[in-house]
N, C-alpha and C. Protein backbone atom coordinates (compact mmCIF):
# COMPACT_ATOMS: atom_id res chain seq x y z
N MET A 1 126.97 86.21 -115.40
CA MET A 1 126.78 85.94 -116.80
C MET A 1 128.09 86.20 -117.54
N LEU A 2 128.41 85.33 -118.44
CA LEU A 2 129.61 85.49 -119.27
C LEU A 2 129.26 86.26 -120.53
N VAL A 3 130.13 87.15 -120.91
CA VAL A 3 129.95 87.90 -122.15
C VAL A 3 130.91 87.32 -123.18
N PRO A 4 130.39 86.83 -124.29
CA PRO A 4 131.27 86.27 -125.32
C PRO A 4 132.22 87.33 -125.88
N TYR A 5 133.41 86.91 -126.19
CA TYR A 5 134.40 87.80 -126.77
C TYR A 5 135.25 87.02 -127.75
N THR A 6 135.94 87.77 -128.60
CA THR A 6 136.91 87.16 -129.50
C THR A 6 138.27 87.76 -129.17
N ILE A 7 139.31 86.99 -129.43
CA ILE A 7 140.67 87.49 -129.23
C ILE A 7 141.54 86.91 -130.33
N GLU A 8 142.32 87.79 -130.93
CA GLU A 8 143.22 87.34 -132.00
C GLU A 8 144.42 88.27 -132.07
N GLN A 9 145.45 87.77 -132.69
CA GLN A 9 146.68 88.54 -132.84
C GLN A 9 146.71 89.14 -134.24
N ASP A 10 147.00 90.44 -134.33
CA ASP A 10 147.04 91.07 -135.64
C ASP A 10 148.41 90.87 -136.29
N GLY A 11 148.58 91.40 -137.47
CA GLY A 11 149.81 91.23 -138.24
C GLY A 11 151.04 91.84 -137.60
N ASP A 12 150.83 92.80 -136.70
CA ASP A 12 151.94 93.45 -136.01
C ASP A 12 152.28 92.78 -134.68
N GLY A 13 151.56 91.70 -134.36
CA GLY A 13 151.82 90.98 -133.12
C GLY A 13 151.03 91.47 -131.92
N VAL A 14 150.16 92.46 -132.12
CA VAL A 14 149.34 92.98 -131.02
C VAL A 14 148.11 92.10 -130.86
N TRP A 15 147.79 91.77 -129.62
CA TRP A 15 146.60 90.98 -129.32
C TRP A 15 145.40 91.92 -129.20
N CYS A 16 144.31 91.57 -129.86
CA CYS A 16 143.09 92.38 -129.86
C CYS A 16 141.92 91.53 -129.36
N ALA A 17 141.20 92.06 -128.37
CA ALA A 17 140.04 91.37 -127.81
C ALA A 17 138.82 92.26 -128.05
N ARG A 18 137.67 91.63 -128.33
CA ARG A 18 136.45 92.38 -128.64
C ARG A 18 135.24 91.67 -128.07
N ALA A 19 134.35 92.45 -127.44
CA ALA A 19 133.10 91.92 -126.91
C ALA A 19 131.96 92.82 -127.36
N VAL A 20 130.83 92.22 -127.72
CA VAL A 20 129.67 92.97 -128.16
C VAL A 20 128.70 93.11 -127.00
N LEU A 21 128.38 94.35 -126.66
CA LEU A 21 127.43 94.62 -125.58
C LEU A 21 126.01 94.44 -126.09
N ARG A 22 125.73 95.02 -127.22
CA ARG A 22 124.47 94.84 -127.95
C ARG A 22 124.72 95.25 -129.38
N ALA A 23 123.78 95.03 -130.25
CA ALA A 23 123.97 95.30 -131.67
C ALA A 23 124.51 96.71 -131.89
N GLY A 24 125.65 96.79 -132.53
CA GLY A 24 126.26 98.08 -132.86
C GLY A 24 127.07 98.71 -131.74
N VAL A 25 127.12 98.08 -130.56
CA VAL A 25 127.86 98.63 -129.43
C VAL A 25 128.85 97.57 -128.94
N CYS A 26 130.15 97.85 -129.08
CA CYS A 26 131.15 96.87 -128.67
C CYS A 26 132.27 97.53 -127.89
N ALA A 27 133.02 96.71 -127.18
CA ALA A 27 134.20 97.18 -126.45
C ALA A 27 135.40 96.44 -127.02
N GLN A 28 136.55 97.12 -127.06
CA GLN A 28 137.76 96.53 -127.59
C GLN A 28 138.93 96.76 -126.66
N GLY A 29 139.83 95.80 -126.62
CA GLY A 29 141.03 95.93 -125.82
C GLY A 29 142.23 95.44 -126.61
N GLU A 30 143.39 95.97 -126.29
CA GLU A 30 144.63 95.57 -126.97
C GLU A 30 145.72 95.36 -125.94
N GLY A 31 146.70 94.53 -126.29
CA GLY A 31 147.83 94.33 -125.41
C GLY A 31 148.92 93.51 -126.09
N ASN A 32 150.05 93.42 -125.42
CA ASN A 32 151.18 92.64 -125.95
C ASN A 32 151.01 91.15 -125.73
N THR A 33 150.09 90.77 -124.84
CA THR A 33 149.79 89.36 -124.57
C THR A 33 148.27 89.19 -124.55
N PRO A 34 147.80 87.96 -124.69
CA PRO A 34 146.36 87.74 -124.59
C PRO A 34 145.79 88.23 -123.26
N ASP A 35 146.49 87.99 -122.16
CA ASP A 35 146.02 88.44 -120.84
C ASP A 35 145.94 89.96 -120.77
N ALA A 36 146.90 90.65 -121.33
CA ALA A 36 146.89 92.11 -121.33
C ALA A 36 145.72 92.65 -122.17
N ALA A 37 145.45 92.01 -123.29
CA ALA A 37 144.32 92.42 -124.13
C ALA A 37 143.00 92.21 -123.40
N LEU A 38 142.87 91.09 -122.67
CA LEU A 38 141.64 90.84 -121.91
C LEU A 38 141.48 91.82 -120.77
N ALA A 39 142.56 92.19 -120.10
CA ALA A 39 142.49 93.17 -119.02
C ALA A 39 142.05 94.52 -119.58
N ASP A 40 142.59 94.91 -120.73
CA ASP A 40 142.20 96.15 -121.37
C ASP A 40 140.74 96.10 -121.81
N LEU A 41 140.30 94.95 -122.30
CA LEU A 41 138.91 94.76 -122.70
C LEU A 41 137.98 94.92 -121.50
N ARG A 42 138.35 94.34 -120.37
CA ARG A 42 137.51 94.46 -119.16
C ARG A 42 137.35 95.93 -118.76
N THR A 43 138.42 96.69 -118.83
CA THR A 43 138.37 98.12 -118.51
C THR A 43 137.47 98.86 -119.49
N ALA A 44 137.64 98.59 -120.77
CA ALA A 44 136.82 99.24 -121.79
C ALA A 44 135.36 98.85 -121.65
N PHE A 45 135.10 97.59 -121.34
CA PHE A 45 133.72 97.11 -121.19
C PHE A 45 133.05 97.78 -120.00
N ALA A 46 133.77 97.94 -118.91
CA ALA A 46 133.23 98.60 -117.72
C ALA A 46 132.88 100.06 -118.04
N ARG A 47 133.78 100.75 -118.74
CA ARG A 47 133.52 102.14 -119.13
C ARG A 47 132.31 102.24 -120.05
N LEU A 48 132.22 101.31 -120.99
CA LEU A 48 131.12 101.32 -121.95
C LEU A 48 129.78 101.10 -121.26
N THR A 49 129.71 100.17 -120.33
CA THR A 49 128.44 99.93 -119.64
C THR A 49 128.05 101.12 -118.78
N GLN A 50 129.01 101.87 -118.26
CA GLN A 50 128.70 103.09 -117.52
C GLN A 50 128.12 104.15 -118.44
N GLU A 51 128.62 104.21 -119.67
CA GLU A 51 128.18 105.23 -120.62
C GLU A 51 126.82 104.92 -121.25
N VAL A 52 126.62 103.67 -121.66
CA VAL A 52 125.41 103.32 -122.41
C VAL A 52 124.45 102.43 -121.63
N GLY A 53 124.86 101.98 -120.46
CA GLY A 53 124.02 101.11 -119.66
C GLY A 53 124.21 99.65 -120.01
N SER A 54 123.80 98.81 -119.11
CA SER A 54 123.90 97.37 -119.31
C SER A 54 122.63 96.83 -119.98
N PRO A 55 122.77 95.87 -120.87
CA PRO A 55 121.58 95.25 -121.43
C PRO A 55 120.84 94.47 -120.36
N ALA A 56 119.56 94.26 -120.54
CA ALA A 56 118.72 93.58 -119.56
C ALA A 56 119.29 92.20 -119.19
N GLU A 57 119.94 91.52 -120.12
CA GLU A 57 120.48 90.19 -119.87
C GLU A 57 121.57 90.20 -118.82
N LEU A 58 122.23 91.35 -118.61
CA LEU A 58 123.33 91.42 -117.65
C LEU A 58 122.87 91.91 -116.28
N LEU A 59 121.63 92.32 -116.15
CA LEU A 59 121.12 92.83 -114.88
C LEU A 59 120.60 91.75 -114.00
């Protein structure tokens, strides 16, 4: 299953990626490139699902 995410560059040139696990619970990643931000997001998302569990849709 794919988890929707957004990615954009902020005013300082840092790429920010964000994915919503469920209402009010999200993971964020940052990097100097879009790929680096996505890699950081994947790490944050994995940590988050370990802490709060995966939603039923991802099981």
